[in-house]
Amino acid sequence: MMANNTQIENVDTCIYLRQGYSTRDKNQDKEIQRRITAGSRAFAKHRDIFKGNIGTCLKRQVEISCVHPAMTYGAET
C-alpha cells in the first residue's frame, strides 16, 4: 500500500493509542495479558512504597495514579 509515495508496511499486530490490535487473532487474551503485565510492572516499580512503613492513604494514591492507569490503558514502557 502506498500513501504520498511512501510504502506503508503491512503488520499483523500493532499498538495504537495504548490498545493492542491484531488482524488475525480476534481473541482478547493477549491484550488482557499485556495489560496485566503492565500493571504488575507498575506495581513492582513502586514496591518500596507498598511494602514500606508509609500510610495507607499514600499507598492508595500511588495505586490509583500509577498502577490503575497501567492496567486500564496498558501503558507502554
C-alpha atoms as a PDB file:
ATOM      1  CA  MET A   1       0.000   0.000   0.000  1.00  0.00           C
ATOM      2  CA  MET A   2       1.256   3.479  -0.850  1.00  0.00           C
ATOM      3  CA  ALA A   3       0.453   6.830   0.760  1.00  0.00           C
ATOM      4  CA  ASN A   4       2.047  10.055  -0.512  1.00  0.00           C
ATOM      5  CA  ASN A   5       4.576   7.997  -2.490  1.00  0.00           C
ATOM      6  CA  THR A   6       5.609   6.174   0.691  1.00  0.00           C
ATOM      7  CA  GLN A   7       5.345   2.416   1.097  1.00  0.00           C
ATOM      8  CA  ILE A   8       3.242   1.512   4.147  1.00  0.00           C
ATOM      9  CA  GLU A   9       4.233  -1.661   5.955  1.00  0.00           C
ATOM     10  CA  ASN A  10       1.621  -4.395   6.488  1.00  0.00           C
ATOM     11  CA  VAL A  11       1.678  -5.827  10.022  1.00  0.00           C
ATOM     12  CA  ASP A  12      -0.400  -8.464  11.815  1.00  0.00           C
ATOM     13  CA  THR A  13      -0.375  -6.735  15.211  1.00  0.00           C
ATOM     14  CA  CYS A  14       0.203  -3.227  16.477  1.00  0.00           C
ATOM     15  CA  ILE A  15      -0.414  -0.978  19.462  1.00  0.00           C
ATOM     16  CA  TYR A  16      -2.386   2.189  18.749  1.00  0.00           C
ATOM     17  CA  LEU A  17      -3.490   4.599  21.469  1.00  0.00           C
ATOM     18  CA  ARG A  18      -2.252   2.070  24.059  1.00  0.00           C
ATOM     19  CA  GLN A  19      -4.611  -0.620  22.743  1.00  0.00           C
ATOM     20  CA  GLY A  20      -3.339  -3.810  21.112  1.00  0.00           C
ATOM     21  CA  TYR A  21      -4.837  -4.723  17.731  1.00  0.00           C
ATOM     22  CA  SER A  22      -4.488  -7.859  15.649  1.00  0.00           C
ATOM     23  CA  THR A  23      -5.732  -8.511  12.126  1.00  0.00           C
ATOM     24  CA  ARG A  24      -5.638 -12.270  12.579  1.00  0.00           C
ATOM     25  CA  ASP A  25      -6.387 -13.044  16.209  1.00  0.00           C
ATOM     26  CA  LYS A  26      -9.784 -11.794  17.374  1.00  0.00           C
ATOM     27  CA  ASN A  27      -9.252 -13.301  20.838  1.00  0.00           C
ATOM     28  CA  GLN A  28      -8.546 -10.673  23.509  1.00  0.00           C
ATOM     29  CA  ASP A  29      -6.404 -12.972  25.699  1.00  0.00           C
ATOM     30  CA  LYS A  30      -3.114 -11.407  24.536  1.00  0.00           C
ATOM     31  CA  GLU A  31      -4.382  -7.868  25.163  1.00  0.00           C
ATOM     32  CA  ILE A  32      -5.639  -8.827  28.621  1.00  0.00           C
ATOM     33  CA  GLN A  33      -2.306 -10.467  29.451  1.00  0.00           C
ATOM     34  CA  ARG A  34      -0.438  -7.401  28.167  1.00  0.00           C
ATOM     35  CA  ARG A  35      -2.444  -5.145  30.468  1.00  0.00           C
ATOM     36  CA  ILE A  36      -1.959  -7.427  33.482  1.00  0.00           C
ATOM     37  CA  THR A  37       1.777  -7.438  32.798  1.00  0.00           C
ATOM     38  CA  ALA A  38       1.805  -3.637  32.567  1.00  0.00           C
ATOM     39  CA  GLY A  39       0.022  -3.427  35.929  1.00  0.00           C
ATOM     40  CA  SER A  40       2.457  -5.879  37.506  1.00  0.00           C
ATOM     41  CA  ARG A  41       5.406  -3.854  36.234  1.00  0.00           C
ATOM     42  CA  ALA A  42       3.925  -0.630  37.604  1.00  0.00           C
ATOM     43  CA  PHE A  43       3.330  -2.310  40.963  1.00  0.00           C
ATOM     44  CA  ALA A  44       6.885  -3.694  41.048  1.00  0.00           C
ATOM     45  CA  LYS A  45       8.282  -0.274  40.163  1.00  0.00           C
ATOM     46  CA  HIS A  46       6.660   1.163  43.308  1.00  0.00           C
ATOM     47  CA  ARG A  47       7.212  -1.883  45.535  1.00  0.00           C
ATOM     48  CA  ASP A  48       9.229   0.111  48.091  1.00  0.00           C
ATOM     49  CA  ILE A  49       6.234   2.359  48.680  1.00  0.00           C
ATOM     50  CA  PHE A  50       3.765  -0.513  49.016  1.00  0.00           C
ATOM     51  CA  LYS A  51       5.989  -2.522  51.369  1.00  0.00           C
ATOM     52  CA  GLY A  52       7.329   0.453  53.302  1.00  0.00           C
ATOM     53  CA  ASN A  53       6.133   1.955  56.537  1.00  0.00           C
ATOM     54  CA  ILE A  54       4.059   4.571  54.724  1.00  0.00           C
ATOM     55  CA  GLY A  55       0.446   5.428  55.393  1.00  0.00           C
ATOM     56  CA  THR A  56      -2.317   3.532  53.638  1.00  0.00           C
ATOM     57  CA  CYS A  57      -3.682   6.774  52.202  1.00  0.00           C
ATOM     58  CA  LEU A  58      -0.439   7.469  50.317  1.00  0.00           C
ATOM     59  CA  LYS A  59      -0.200   3.856  49.143  1.00  0.00           C
ATOM     60  CA  ARG A  60      -3.736   4.109  47.771  1.00  0.00           C
ATOM     61  CA  GLN A  61      -2.886   7.344  45.947  1.00  0.00           C
ATOM     62  CA  VAL A  62       0.130   5.695  44.305  1.00  0.00           C
ATOM     63  CA  GLU A  63      -2.010   2.713  43.306  1.00  0.00           C
ATOM     64  CA  ILE A  64      -4.701   4.917  41.782  1.00  0.00           C
ATOM     65  CA  SER A  65      -2.276   7.214  39.963  1.00  0.00           C
ATOM     66  CA  CYS A  66       0.332   4.664  38.790  1.00  0.00           C
ATOM     67  CA  VAL A  67      -0.933   1.074  38.820  1.00  0.00           C
ATOM     68  CA  HIS A  68      -4.543   1.515  37.681  1.00  0.00           C
ATOM     69  CA  PRO A  69      -3.694   3.554  34.565  1.00  0.00           C
ATOM     70  CA  ALA A  70      -1.112   0.964  33.548  1.00  0.00           C
ATOM     71  CA  MET A  71      -3.723  -1.782  33.732  1.00  0.00           C
ATOM     72  CA  THR A  72      -6.671   0.076  32.279  1.00  0.00           C
ATOM     73  CA  TYR A  73      -4.787   1.760  29.463  1.00  0.00           C
ATOM     74  CA  GLY A  74      -1.903  -0.770  29.085  1.00  0.00           C
ATOM     75  CA  ALA A  75       0.723   1.884  29.409  1.00  0.00           C
ATOM     76  CA  GLU A  76       3.679   1.387  27.119  1.00  0.00           C
ATOM     77  CA  THR A  77       7.170   1.370  28.554  1.00  0.00           C
END
